Protein backbone atom coordinates (compact mmCIF):
# COMPACT_ATOMS: atom_id res chain seq x y z
CA MET A 1 5.38 -15.39 5.40
CA ILE A 2 2.71 -12.88 6.37
CA GLY A 3 3.16 -9.18 5.64
CA LEU A 4 1.29 -6.29 7.24
CA PHE A 5 0.30 -3.29 5.11
CA THR A 6 -1.65 -0.80 7.22
CA ASP A 7 -2.09 2.84 8.19
CA TYR A 8 -1.98 1.99 11.91
CA GLY A 9 1.38 3.63 12.58
CA CYS A 10 4.20 2.21 14.67
CA ASP A 11 3.15 4.05 17.83
CA GLY A 12 0.36 2.73 19.99
CA PRO A 13 -1.01 -0.79 20.45
CA TYR A 14 -2.52 -1.60 17.05
CA ILE A 15 0.33 -3.35 15.23
CA GLY A 16 1.19 -5.30 18.37
CA GLN A 17 -2.38 -6.52 18.71
CA VAL A 18 -2.50 -7.66 15.07
CA LEU A 19 0.84 -9.45 15.45
CA ALA A 20 -0.32 -11.17 18.64
CA ARG A 21 -3.48 -12.44 16.96
CA ILE A 22 -1.53 -13.86 14.02
CA LEU A 23 1.18 -15.46 16.12
CA ALA A 24 -1.35 -17.05 18.46
CA LEU A 25 -2.80 -18.92 15.48
CA ALA A 26 0.32 -19.43 13.35
CA PRO A 27 3.41 -19.24 15.62
CA ALA A 28 5.71 -20.88 13.07
CA ILE A 29 4.93 -18.37 10.28
CA PRO A 30 7.25 -15.35 10.08
CA VAL A 31 5.44 -12.00 10.11
CA ILE A 32 6.88 -8.73 8.82
CA ASN A 33 5.56 -5.22 9.36
CA LEU A 34 6.01 -4.07 5.76
CA PHE A 35 4.10 -0.79 5.82
CA ALA A 36 2.65 0.65 9.03
CA ASP A 37 2.27 4.25 7.83
CA ALA A 38 0.35 3.94 4.58
CA PRO A 39 -1.58 7.17 3.88
CA ALA A 40 -4.04 7.42 6.75
CA HIS A 41 -7.74 7.04 5.86
CA ASN A 42 -6.77 7.06 2.15
CA PRO A 43 -7.35 3.76 0.29
CA ARG A 44 -6.88 5.51 -3.06
CA ALA A 45 -3.32 6.68 -2.37
CA ALA A 46 -2.45 3.39 -0.66
CA ALA A 47 -3.70 1.45 -3.69
CA TYR A 48 -0.72 2.70 -5.71
CA LEU A 49 1.77 1.77 -2.99
CA LEU A 50 0.44 -1.76 -2.57
CA PRO A 51 1.63 -3.34 -5.87
CA ALA A 52 4.95 -1.48 -5.76
CA TYR A 53 5.83 -2.78 -2.30
CA THR A 54 4.48 -6.33 -2.53
CA SER A 55 5.57 -7.36 -6.04
CA GLY A 56 8.90 -8.87 -5.01
CA TYR A 57 7.51 -11.37 -2.54
CA PRO A 58 7.25 -15.06 -3.41
CA ALA A 59 4.09 -16.95 -4.21
CA GLY A 60 2.37 -18.07 -1.02
CA THR A 61 3.00 -14.82 0.84
CA VAL A 62 -0.12 -13.51 2.59
CA PHE A 63 -0.65 -9.78 3.09
CA VAL A 64 -2.98 -8.26 5.67
CA CYS A 65 -3.99 -4.97 4.03
CA VAL A 66 -5.96 -2.46 6.09
CA VAL A 67 -6.60 1.17 5.19
CA ASP A 68 -10.26 1.28 6.10
CA PRO A 69 -11.82 4.57 7.24
CA ALA A 70 -15.32 3.04 6.90
CA VAL A 71 -14.54 0.01 9.10
CA GLY A 72 -17.65 -1.43 10.71
CA SER A 73 -20.06 0.46 8.45
CA GLY A 74 -20.84 -2.51 6.22
CA ARG A 75 -20.14 -0.47 3.07
CA HIS A 76 -17.24 -2.61 1.88
CA ARG A 77 -17.07 -6.37 1.83
CA PRO A 78 -14.11 -8.21 3.40
CA ALA A 79 -12.13 -9.83 0.61
CA ILE A 80 -9.48 -12.41 -0.21
CA LEU A 81 -7.52 -12.03 -3.44
CA ASP A 82 -5.12 -14.49 -5.04
CA CYS A 83 -2.88 -12.34 -7.26
CA ASP A 84 -0.46 -14.55 -9.20
CA GLY A 85 -0.11 -16.79 -6.15
CA ARG A 86 0.27 -14.03 -3.56
CA TRP A 87 -2.65 -13.56 -1.18
CA PHE A 88 -4.23 -10.28 -0.07
CA VAL A 89 -6.76 -9.98 2.74
CA GLY A 90 -8.62 -6.77 3.53
CA PRO A 91 -11.57 -4.50 2.75
CA ASP A 92 -12.77 -4.20 -0.86
CA ASN A 93 -12.84 -0.41 -0.71
CA GLY A 94 -10.49 0.50 -3.58
CA LEU A 95 -7.32 -0.59 -1.82
CA PHE A 96 -6.97 -3.51 -4.26
CA GLU A 97 -7.92 -1.62 -7.45
CA ILE A 98 -4.42 -1.13 -8.88
CA ILE A 99 -3.03 -4.51 -7.93
CA ARG A 100 -6.02 -6.11 -9.67
CA ARG A 101 -5.04 -4.33 -12.90
CA ARG A 102 -1.43 -5.51 -12.67
CA THR A 103 -2.21 -9.16 -11.92
CA ARG A 104 -2.14 -11.77 -14.67
CA ILE A 105 -4.06 -14.52 -12.87
CA LEU A 106 -6.61 -13.17 -10.41
CA ARG A 107 -9.04 -15.02 -8.16
CA GLU A 108 -11.09 -13.28 -5.47
CA TRP A 109 -13.68 -14.08 -2.84
CA GLN A 110 -15.80 -12.45 -0.17
CA ILE A 111 -14.91 -13.59 3.35
CA GLU A 112 -17.86 -15.31 5.00
CA TRP A 113 -15.98 -16.58 8.08
CA ARG A 114 -16.41 -14.57 11.26
CA PRO A 115 -14.80 -14.95 14.69
CA GLU A 116 -16.95 -15.47 17.75
CA ASP A 117 -16.14 -11.94 18.92
CA MET A 118 -15.39 -9.08 16.54
CA ALA A 119 -15.08 -5.44 17.53
CA ALA A 120 -16.93 -3.08 15.21
CA SER A 121 -13.88 -0.85 14.76
CA PHE A 122 -10.90 -3.27 14.60
CA HIS A 123 -11.41 -5.74 11.77
CA GLY A 124 -7.66 -5.76 11.14
CA ARG A 125 -7.12 -7.60 14.41
CA ASP A 126 -10.34 -9.59 14.69
CA LEU A 127 -11.09 -10.59 11.09
CA TYR A 128 -8.24 -10.02 8.64
CA ALA A 129 -5.39 -11.17 10.90
CA PRO A 130 -6.93 -14.59 11.73
CA VAL A 131 -8.01 -15.10 8.11
CA ALA A 132 -4.45 -14.41 6.96
CA ALA A 133 -3.08 -16.81 9.57
CA ARG A 134 -5.44 -19.53 8.40
CA LEU A 135 -4.49 -19.02 4.76
CA ALA A 136 -0.78 -19.13 5.63
CA MET A 137 -1.35 -22.39 7.53
CA GLY A 138 -3.19 -23.93 4.57
CA MET A 139 -6.50 -24.00 6.44
CA GLU A 140 -9.90 -23.45 4.87
CA VAL A 141 -11.66 -20.12 5.25
CA ALA A 142 -15.38 -19.88 4.50
CA ARG A 143 -15.78 -17.65 1.46
CA SER A 144 -18.00 -16.98 -1.54
CA PRO A 145 -17.49 -15.43 -5.00
CA LEU A 146 -16.85 -11.70 -4.87
CA GLN A 147 -18.30 -9.10 -7.23
CA PRO A 148 -15.57 -6.53 -6.64
CA LEU A 149 -16.07 -2.82 -6.22
CA ARG A 150 -14.15 -1.20 -9.07
CA PHE A 151 -12.81 2.31 -9.56
CA ALA A 152 -12.39 2.59 -13.33
CA GLU A 153 -11.91 6.36 -13.11
CA TRP A 154 -8.63 5.99 -11.22
CA PRO A 155 -5.65 6.32 -13.60
CA ASP A 156 -3.07 3.57 -14.03
CA ASP A 157 -0.40 6.05 -12.89
CA LEU A 158 -1.36 8.71 -10.37
CA ASP A 159 0.40 12.08 -10.79
CA GLU A 160 0.09 12.95 -7.11
CA ILE A 161 2.18 12.59 -3.97
CA ILE A 162 0.98 9.48 -2.14
CA TYR A 163 3.62 9.02 0.57
CA ILE A 164 6.22 11.09 2.43
CA ASP A 165 8.97 9.23 4.25
CA ARG A 166 10.80 10.27 7.42
CA PHE A 167 13.50 12.02 5.35
CA GLY A 168 10.97 14.24 3.60
CA ASN A 169 11.26 12.39 0.29
CA THR A 170 7.96 12.56 -1.56
CA MET A 171 6.71 9.51 -3.47
CA SER A 172 4.19 9.67 -6.29
CA GLY A 173 1.76 7.14 -7.70
CA MET A 174 3.53 7.18 -11.07
CA ARG A 175 5.72 4.30 -12.14
CA ALA A 176 9.14 5.50 -13.24
CA SER A 177 8.80 3.30 -16.31
CA SER A 178 5.83 5.40 -17.44
CA ILE A 179 7.90 8.54 -18.14
CA SER A 180 11.18 9.30 -19.88
CA PRO A 181 14.28 9.58 -17.66
CA GLN A 182 15.02 12.84 -19.49
CA SER A 183 11.71 14.37 -18.44
CA THR A 184 11.55 17.29 -16.04
CA LEU A 185 8.83 17.53 -13.43
CA ARG A 186 7.03 20.53 -12.01
CA VAL A 187 6.10 20.44 -8.34
CA ALA A 188 4.61 23.42 -6.55
CA GLY A 189 5.52 25.60 -9.54
CA LYS A 190 9.20 24.59 -9.49
CA THR A 191 11.08 22.55 -12.08
CA VAL A 192 12.89 19.41 -10.97
CA ALA A 193 15.34 17.53 -13.20
CA GLY A 194 15.81 13.79 -13.17
CA GLY A 195 18.71 11.74 -11.85
CA ARG A 196 19.54 8.21 -10.72
CA THR A 197 20.49 9.11 -7.14
CA PHE A 198 20.34 11.97 -4.63
CA ALA A 199 23.95 12.81 -5.49
CA ALA A 200 22.99 13.56 -9.11
CA VAL A 201 22.48 17.17 -7.93
CA ASN A 202 24.31 19.45 -5.56
CA GLU A 203 23.43 19.47 -1.89
CA GLY A 204 20.26 21.45 -1.32
CA GLU A 205 18.98 20.93 -4.87
CA GLY A 206 15.94 18.94 -5.92
CA VAL A 207 15.90 15.79 -8.04
CA TRP A 208 13.36 13.23 -9.18
CA TYR A 209 14.27 9.58 -9.71
CA GLY A 210 12.80 6.12 -9.95
CA ASN A 211 12.95 4.84 -6.39
CA SER A 212 13.95 1.35 -5.29
CA ASN A 213 10.38 0.11 -5.75
CA GLY A 214 9.84 1.63 -9.18
CA LEU A 215 7.85 4.76 -8.32
CA VAL A 216 8.67 8.37 -9.21
CA GLU A 217 10.00 10.15 -6.13
CA VAL A 218 11.03 13.77 -5.57
CA ALA A 219 13.76 14.56 -3.05
CA ILE A 220 16.27 17.21 -2.09
CA ASN A 221 19.87 16.16 -1.65
CA GLY A 222 20.49 16.58 2.07
CA GLY A 223 17.12 18.24 2.71
CA ARG A 224 13.37 17.73 2.90
CA ALA A 225 11.40 18.01 -0.34
CA ASP A 226 8.10 18.15 1.52
CA VAL A 227 9.16 21.29 3.39
CA ALA A 228 11.05 23.00 0.55
CA TYR A 229 8.23 22.51 -1.96
CA GLY A 230 5.30 22.59 0.46
CA LEU A 231 4.19 19.12 -0.58
CA ARG A 232 1.64 16.88 1.12
CA ILE A 233 -0.38 13.81 0.26
CA GLY A 234 -2.44 14.71 -2.80
CA SER A 235 -0.08 17.41 -4.17
CA ARG A 236 0.02 17.26 -7.96
CA ILE A 237 3.07 16.56 -10.12
CA GLU A 238 3.29 17.75 -13.72
CA ILE A 239 5.53 16.30 -16.40
CA GLY A 240 7.54 18.81 -18.45
């Protein structure tokens, strides 16, 4: 299958245009819109979501990954990565930094193929979508060895909020396995105890837990943690 991981949002024409380009080339390949609201213009935050939300997919899956505020500038090379048999296509702008670290067998290339027509500002549709379709169909894509852009200063686990869902639950870049379940967290100067589910605390109270994709998440039972704690993308979380 092909999975889309973008910051395009579900409103507007962008996801539909990417889907149309893929299906025109590979109509028999199922396509899923895995993540359409990755942190906008923020490859660093999205880099911690990417391995958490793609790890369960089988070998051979191809992901179109686009969080690219510098699209068309030429600053970042278009890349293909083979991460333990799963394929990732997108800009080498930091978006792939964390998944590189968590991959056992990694191969990567710079994309040399170009379509006849490519808009300067929509490489997701014109470059990455057709490359992903070709990979999923087993077709060759012109490529060369990639010297990747690395971000060694980024931590393995990011103690910041990187995503807020429609319920107001706030997801961090920390893996739940990296901290003790008995730990307390401090967010916006308030202490939050741990639990396995929302119902571990009374309605209206805050709780942190390891979410269904293995990341530390802060929520309020029956409420919005983002509003109650004044949290946004980039807000810090402290342990203890």
